[in-house]
Amino acid sequence: MAKSLDRITINPEVCMGQPTLRGMRITVAFVLKLMASGMTHAEILAAYPELEEADFHQVIEYAAWLASEYHRPLRVAVG
């Protein structure tokens, strides 16, 4: 990752340790789900005025970083 994701915070005391935006109780996953449902940035900002346009860019960058992680499938023991 070329730059720091300084708007994404993880605190075990906030939202059970899920990644949130700037320590608020708004999770990265929640914002991604709003975007995936078809809401525009303007609609999300109207509903959650504490968010900022820059938050969307980091949410997408964080999701892209996670999607690029390589996971090995687990082997299933037979018999």
C-alpha atoms as a PDB file:
ATOM      1  CA  MET A   1       0.000   0.000   0.000  1.00  0.00           C
ATOM      2  CA  ALA A   2       1.574   3.238  -1.112  1.00  0.00           C
ATOM      3  CA  LYS A   3      -0.036   5.581   1.401  1.00  0.00           C
ATOM      4  CA  SER A   4      -1.384   5.338   4.899  1.00  0.00           C
ATOM      5  CA  LEU A   5      -5.051   4.663   5.475  1.00  0.00           C
ATOM      6  CA  ASP A   6      -5.226   7.288   8.192  1.00  0.00           C
ATOM      7  CA  ARG A   7      -9.035   7.481   8.203  1.00  0.00           C
ATOM      8  CA  ILE A   8      -9.489   3.759   8.879  1.00  0.00           C
ATOM      9  CA  THR A   9      -9.212   2.933  12.558  1.00  0.00           C
ATOM     10  CA  ILE A  10      -9.424  -0.320  14.470  1.00  0.00           C
ATOM     11  CA  ASN A  11     -10.123  -0.191  18.179  1.00  0.00           C
ATOM     12  CA  PRO A  12     -11.282  -3.248  20.138  1.00  0.00           C
ATOM     13  CA  GLU A  13     -13.497  -0.922  22.211  1.00  0.00           C
ATOM     14  CA  VAL A  14     -15.373   0.454  19.172  1.00  0.00           C
ATOM     15  CA  CYS A  15     -17.745  -1.708  17.116  1.00  0.00           C
ATOM     16  CA  MET A  16     -16.150  -4.908  18.418  1.00  0.00           C
ATOM     17  CA  GLY A  17     -12.865  -4.112  16.693  1.00  0.00           C
ATOM     18  CA  GLN A  18     -14.283  -3.774  13.194  1.00  0.00           C
ATOM     19  CA  PRO A  19     -12.565  -1.203  10.965  1.00  0.00           C
ATOM     20  CA  THR A  20     -14.323   2.148  11.356  1.00  0.00           C
ATOM     21  CA  LEU A  21     -13.957   5.608   9.909  1.00  0.00           C
ATOM     22  CA  ARG A  22     -11.996   8.029  12.074  1.00  0.00           C
ATOM     23  CA  GLY A  23     -12.931   6.253  15.286  1.00  0.00           C
ATOM     24  CA  MET A  24     -16.639   6.874  14.773  1.00  0.00           C
ATOM     25  CA  ARG A  25     -19.158   4.089  15.110  1.00  0.00           C
ATOM     26  CA  ILE A  26     -19.531   3.911  11.344  1.00  0.00           C
ATOM     27  CA  THR A  27     -17.873   0.792   9.995  1.00  0.00           C
ATOM     28  CA  VAL A  28     -16.096   0.435   6.693  1.00  0.00           C
ATOM     29  CA  ALA A  29     -18.391  -2.508   5.916  1.00  0.00           C
ATOM     30  CA  PHE A  30     -21.510  -0.391   6.536  1.00  0.00           C
ATOM     31  CA  VAL A  31     -20.354   2.334   4.139  1.00  0.00           C
ATOM     32  CA  LEU A  32     -19.441  -0.269   1.516  1.00  0.00           C
ATOM     33  CA  LYS A  33     -22.909  -1.821   1.834  1.00  0.00           C
ATOM     34  CA  LEU A  34     -24.546   1.579   1.374  1.00  0.00           C
ATOM     35  CA  MET A  35     -22.458   2.167  -1.739  1.00  0.00           C
ATOM     36  CA  ALA A  36     -23.181  -1.343  -3.053  1.00  0.00           C
ATOM     37  CA  SER A  37     -26.911  -0.773  -2.567  1.00  0.00           C
ATOM     38  CA  GLY A  38     -26.702   2.055  -5.079  1.00  0.00           C
ATOM     39  CA  MET A  39     -26.636   5.075  -2.790  1.00  0.00           C
ATOM     40  CA  THR A  40     -24.587   7.949  -4.145  1.00  0.00           C
ATOM     41  CA  HIS A  41     -21.927   9.699  -2.115  1.00  0.00           C
ATOM     42  CA  ALA A  42     -24.251  12.706  -1.831  1.00  0.00           C
ATOM     43  CA  GLU A  43     -27.084  10.553  -0.475  1.00  0.00           C
ATOM     44  CA  ILE A  44     -24.795   8.911   2.067  1.00  0.00           C
ATOM     45  CA  LEU A  45     -23.391  12.278   3.140  1.00  0.00           C
ATOM     46  CA  ALA A  46     -26.931  13.626   3.577  1.00  0.00           C
ATOM     47  CA  ALA A  47     -27.853  10.650   5.765  1.00  0.00           C
ATOM     48  CA  TYR A  48     -24.544  10.662   7.675  1.00  0.00           C
ATOM     49  CA  PRO A  49     -23.245  14.257   7.681  1.00  0.00           C
ATOM     50  CA  GLU A  50     -20.338  13.337   9.945  1.00  0.00           C
ATOM     51  CA  LEU A  51     -18.756  11.549   6.975  1.00  0.00           C
ATOM     52  CA  GLU A  52     -16.529  13.359   4.493  1.00  0.00           C
ATOM     53  CA  GLU A  53     -15.869  12.765   0.808  1.00  0.00           C
ATOM     54  CA  ALA A  54     -12.309  11.626   1.595  1.00  0.00           C
ATOM     55  CA  ASP A  55     -13.763   8.798   3.707  1.00  0.00           C
ATOM     56  CA  PHE A  56     -15.218   7.167   0.586  1.00  0.00           C
ATOM     57  CA  HIS A  57     -11.852   7.060  -1.137  1.00  0.00           C
ATOM     58  CA  GLN A  58     -10.223   5.313   1.806  1.00  0.00           C
ATOM     59  CA  VAL A  59     -13.125   2.870   2.204  1.00  0.00           C
ATOM     60  CA  ILE A  60     -12.685   1.831  -1.431  1.00  0.00           C
ATOM     61  CA  GLU A  61      -8.898   1.678  -1.105  1.00  0.00           C
ATOM     62  CA  TYR A  62      -9.185  -0.453   2.038  1.00  0.00           C
ATOM     63  CA  ALA A  63     -11.656  -2.810   0.332  1.00  0.00           C
ATOM     64  CA  ALA A  64      -9.341  -3.138  -2.678  1.00  0.00           C
ATOM     65  CA  TRP A  65      -6.426  -3.913  -0.353  1.00  0.00           C
ATOM     66  CA  LEU A  66      -8.463  -6.632   1.392  1.00  0.00           C
ATOM     67  CA  ALA A  67      -9.665  -8.080  -1.913  1.00  0.00           C
ATOM     68  CA  SER A  68      -6.072  -8.475  -3.066  1.00  0.00           C
ATOM     69  CA  GLU A  69      -5.173 -10.661  -0.084  1.00  0.00           C
ATOM     70  CA  TYR A  70      -4.456 -14.255  -1.027  1.00  0.00           C
ATOM     71  CA  HIS A  71      -6.250 -16.922   0.963  1.00  0.00           C
ATOM     72  CA  ARG A  72      -5.492 -20.603   0.657  1.00  0.00           C
ATOM     73  CA  PRO A  73      -8.469 -22.936   0.738  1.00  0.00           C
ATOM     74  CA  LEU A  74      -8.555 -25.289   3.690  1.00  0.00           C
ATOM     75  CA  ARG A  75      -8.046 -28.958   2.983  1.00  0.00           C
ATOM     76  CA  VAL A  76     -10.840 -31.190   4.079  1.00  0.00           C
ATOM     77  CA  ALA A  77      -9.711 -34.371   5.795  1.00  0.00           C
ATOM     78  CA  VAL A  78     -11.235 -37.450   4.177  1.00  0.00           C
ATOM     79  CA  GLY A  79     -12.036 -40.524   6.254  1.00  0.00           C
END
